[in-house]
């Protein structure tokens, strides 16, 4: 049964690894204060208010 689905299993493992690396990168960027708006928060709807990227919620 496993040998007949080895192609599917390999594909799923590769996809899970790619998704895990993407999530890891996003979390790492968030911890380093990098936002998703590319440092142009003046027009970014994701930031609380205009200013510099990575200052959301900081005083």
N, C-alpha and C. Protein backbone atom coordinates (compact mmCIF):
# COMPACT_ATOMS: atom_id res chain seq x y z
N UNK A 1 0.82 -1.18 0.00
CA UNK A 1 0.00 0.00 0.00
C UNK A 1 0.87 1.26 0.00
N UNK A 2 1.88 1.31 0.85
CA UNK A 2 2.74 2.48 0.90
C UNK A 2 3.54 2.60 -0.39
N UNK A 3 4.01 1.50 -0.92
CA UNK A 3 4.84 1.56 -2.13
C UNK A 3 4.05 2.05 -3.34
N UNK A 4 2.76 1.85 -3.35
CA UNK A 4 1.95 2.33 -4.47
C UNK A 4 1.65 3.82 -4.36
N UNK A 5 1.83 4.41 -3.19
CA UNK A 5 1.56 5.83 -2.97
C UNK A 5 2.82 6.63 -2.66
N UNK A 6 3.99 6.11 -2.96
CA UNK A 6 5.24 6.76 -2.59
C UNK A 6 5.37 8.14 -3.23
N UNK A 7 4.89 8.29 -4.45
CA UNK A 7 4.95 9.59 -5.12
C UNK A 7 4.13 10.64 -4.39
N UNK A 8 2.95 10.26 -3.97
CA UNK A 8 2.09 11.17 -3.21
C UNK A 8 2.70 11.51 -1.85
N UNK A 9 3.28 10.53 -1.21
CA UNK A 9 3.88 10.74 0.10
C UNK A 9 5.05 11.71 0.00
N UNK A 10 5.90 11.53 -1.00
CA UNK A 10 7.05 12.42 -1.19
C UNK A 10 6.57 13.84 -1.48
N UNK A 11 5.57 13.98 -2.33
CA UNK A 11 5.03 15.29 -2.66
C UNK A 11 4.48 16.00 -1.42
N UNK A 12 3.74 15.28 -0.60
CA UNK A 12 3.17 15.85 0.62
C UNK A 12 4.27 16.27 1.59
N UNK A 13 5.30 15.45 1.73
CA UNK A 13 6.40 15.78 2.63
C UNK A 13 7.12 17.04 2.16
N UNK A 14 7.35 17.16 0.87
CA UNK A 14 8.01 18.35 0.32
C UNK A 14 7.14 19.59 0.55
N UNK A 15 5.84 19.50 0.29
CA UNK A 15 4.95 20.63 0.51
C UNK A 15 4.90 21.06 1.97
N UNK A 16 4.85 20.11 2.87
CA UNK A 16 4.84 20.42 4.30
C UNK A 16 6.14 21.12 4.70
N UNK A 17 7.26 20.66 4.16
CA UNK A 17 8.54 21.29 4.46
C UNK A 17 8.59 22.73 3.95
N UNK A 18 8.10 22.98 2.75
CA UNK A 18 8.09 24.33 2.18
C UNK A 18 7.20 25.25 3.01
N UNK A 19 6.03 24.77 3.39
CA UNK A 19 5.11 25.58 4.20
C UNK A 19 5.72 25.87 5.57
N UNK A 20 6.36 24.88 6.17
CA UNK A 20 6.99 25.09 7.47
C UNK A 20 8.10 26.13 7.39
N UNK A 21 8.90 26.10 6.34
CA UNK A 21 9.96 27.10 6.16
C UNK A 21 9.38 28.49 5.95
N UNK A 22 8.28 28.59 5.22
CA UNK A 22 7.65 29.89 5.00
C UNK A 22 7.11 30.46 6.31
N UNK A 23 6.45 29.65 7.09
CA UNK A 23 5.91 30.09 8.38
C UNK A 23 7.05 30.49 9.31
N UNK A 24 8.12 29.72 9.31
CA UNK A 24 9.28 30.03 10.14
C UNK A 24 9.87 31.39 9.76
N UNK A 25 9.95 31.65 8.48
CA UNK A 25 10.49 32.92 8.00
C UNK A 25 9.59 34.09 8.42
N UNK A 26 8.29 33.92 8.33
CA UNK A 26 7.35 34.97 8.71
C UNK A 26 7.46 35.25 10.21
N UNK A 27 7.53 34.21 11.02
CA UNK A 27 7.63 34.38 12.47
C UNK A 27 8.96 35.07 12.82
N UNK A 28 10.02 34.67 12.17
CA UNK A 28 11.34 35.27 12.41
C UNK A 28 11.32 36.76 12.05
N UNK A 29 10.70 37.10 10.93
CA UNK A 29 10.60 38.50 10.53
C UNK A 29 9.78 39.31 11.54
N UNK A 30 8.69 38.74 12.02
CA UNK A 30 7.86 39.43 13.01
C UNK A 30 8.65 39.69 14.28
N UNK A 31 9.44 38.70 14.73
CA UNK A 31 10.23 38.86 15.94
C UNK A 31 11.30 39.93 15.77
N UNK A 32 11.80 40.09 14.55
CA UNK A 32 12.83 41.09 14.28
C UNK A 32 12.23 42.45 13.98
N UNK A 33 10.92 42.59 14.04
CA UNK A 33 10.26 43.87 13.87
C UNK A 33 10.01 44.26 12.43
N UNK A 34 10.13 43.33 11.53
CA UNK A 34 9.86 43.64 10.13
C UNK A 34 8.39 43.40 9.86
N UNK A 35 7.77 44.36 9.23
CA UNK A 35 6.35 44.24 8.91
C UNK A 35 6.16 43.69 7.52
N UNK A 36 4.93 43.47 7.18
CA UNK A 36 4.60 42.93 5.86
C UNK A 36 4.37 44.03 4.84
N UNK A 37 4.48 45.30 5.27
CA UNK A 37 4.16 46.40 4.37
C UNK A 37 5.39 46.95 3.66
N UNK A 38 6.54 46.38 3.86
CA UNK A 38 7.74 46.81 3.17
C UNK A 38 8.24 48.17 3.62
N UNK A 39 8.06 48.49 4.88
CA UNK A 39 8.56 49.72 5.51
C UNK A 39 7.88 50.99 5.01
N UNK A 40 6.73 50.88 4.39
CA UNK A 40 6.00 52.09 3.99
C UNK A 40 4.66 52.10 4.70
N UNK A 41 4.72 52.30 6.00
CA UNK A 41 3.51 52.22 6.83
C UNK A 41 2.58 53.41 6.68
N UNK A 42 3.00 54.46 6.00
CA UNK A 42 2.13 55.62 5.86
C UNK A 42 0.84 55.27 5.14
N UNK A 43 0.93 54.34 4.20
CA UNK A 43 -0.26 53.95 3.46
C UNK A 43 -0.68 52.51 3.76
N UNK A 44 -0.09 51.92 4.78
CA UNK A 44 -0.36 50.52 5.10
C UNK A 44 -1.59 50.41 5.99
N UNK A 45 -2.57 49.62 5.58
CA UNK A 45 -3.77 49.44 6.37
C UNK A 45 -3.58 48.44 7.50
N UNK A 46 -2.44 47.76 7.54
CA UNK A 46 -2.19 46.77 8.57
C UNK A 46 -1.58 47.37 9.83
N UNK A 47 -0.98 48.54 9.70
CA UNK A 47 -0.39 49.22 10.85
C UNK A 47 -1.45 50.01 11.59
N UNK A 48 -1.23 50.23 12.87
CA UNK A 48 -2.19 51.00 13.67
C UNK A 48 -2.28 52.45 13.18
N UNK A 49 -1.14 53.03 12.88
CA UNK A 49 -1.11 54.41 12.40
C UNK A 49 0.14 54.59 11.56
N UNK A 50 0.18 55.64 10.80
CA UNK A 50 1.34 55.90 9.96
C UNK A 50 2.60 56.04 10.79
N UNK A 51 3.72 55.69 10.23
CA UNK A 51 4.99 55.78 10.95
C UNK A 51 6.01 54.89 10.28
N UNK A 52 6.81 54.23 11.05
CA UNK A 52 7.83 53.35 10.48
C UNK A 52 7.45 51.91 10.71
N UNK A 53 7.92 51.05 9.85
CA UNK A 53 7.60 49.63 9.95
C UNK A 53 8.19 49.06 11.23
N UNK A 54 7.48 48.13 11.82
CA UNK A 54 7.97 47.44 12.98
C UNK A 54 7.71 48.17 14.29
N UNK A 55 6.96 49.26 14.28
CA UNK A 55 6.69 50.00 15.51
C UNK A 55 5.28 49.77 16.02
N UNK A 56 4.56 48.88 15.42
CA UNK A 56 3.18 48.64 15.84
C UNK A 56 3.16 48.10 17.28
N UNK A 57 2.46 48.80 18.12
CA UNK A 57 2.31 48.36 19.50
C UNK A 57 3.50 48.70 20.39
N UNK A 58 4.53 49.35 19.87
CA UNK A 58 5.70 49.70 20.66
C UNK A 58 5.60 51.15 21.10
N UNK A 59 6.15 51.45 22.25
CA UNK A 59 6.15 52.83 22.73
C UNK A 59 7.53 53.41 22.71
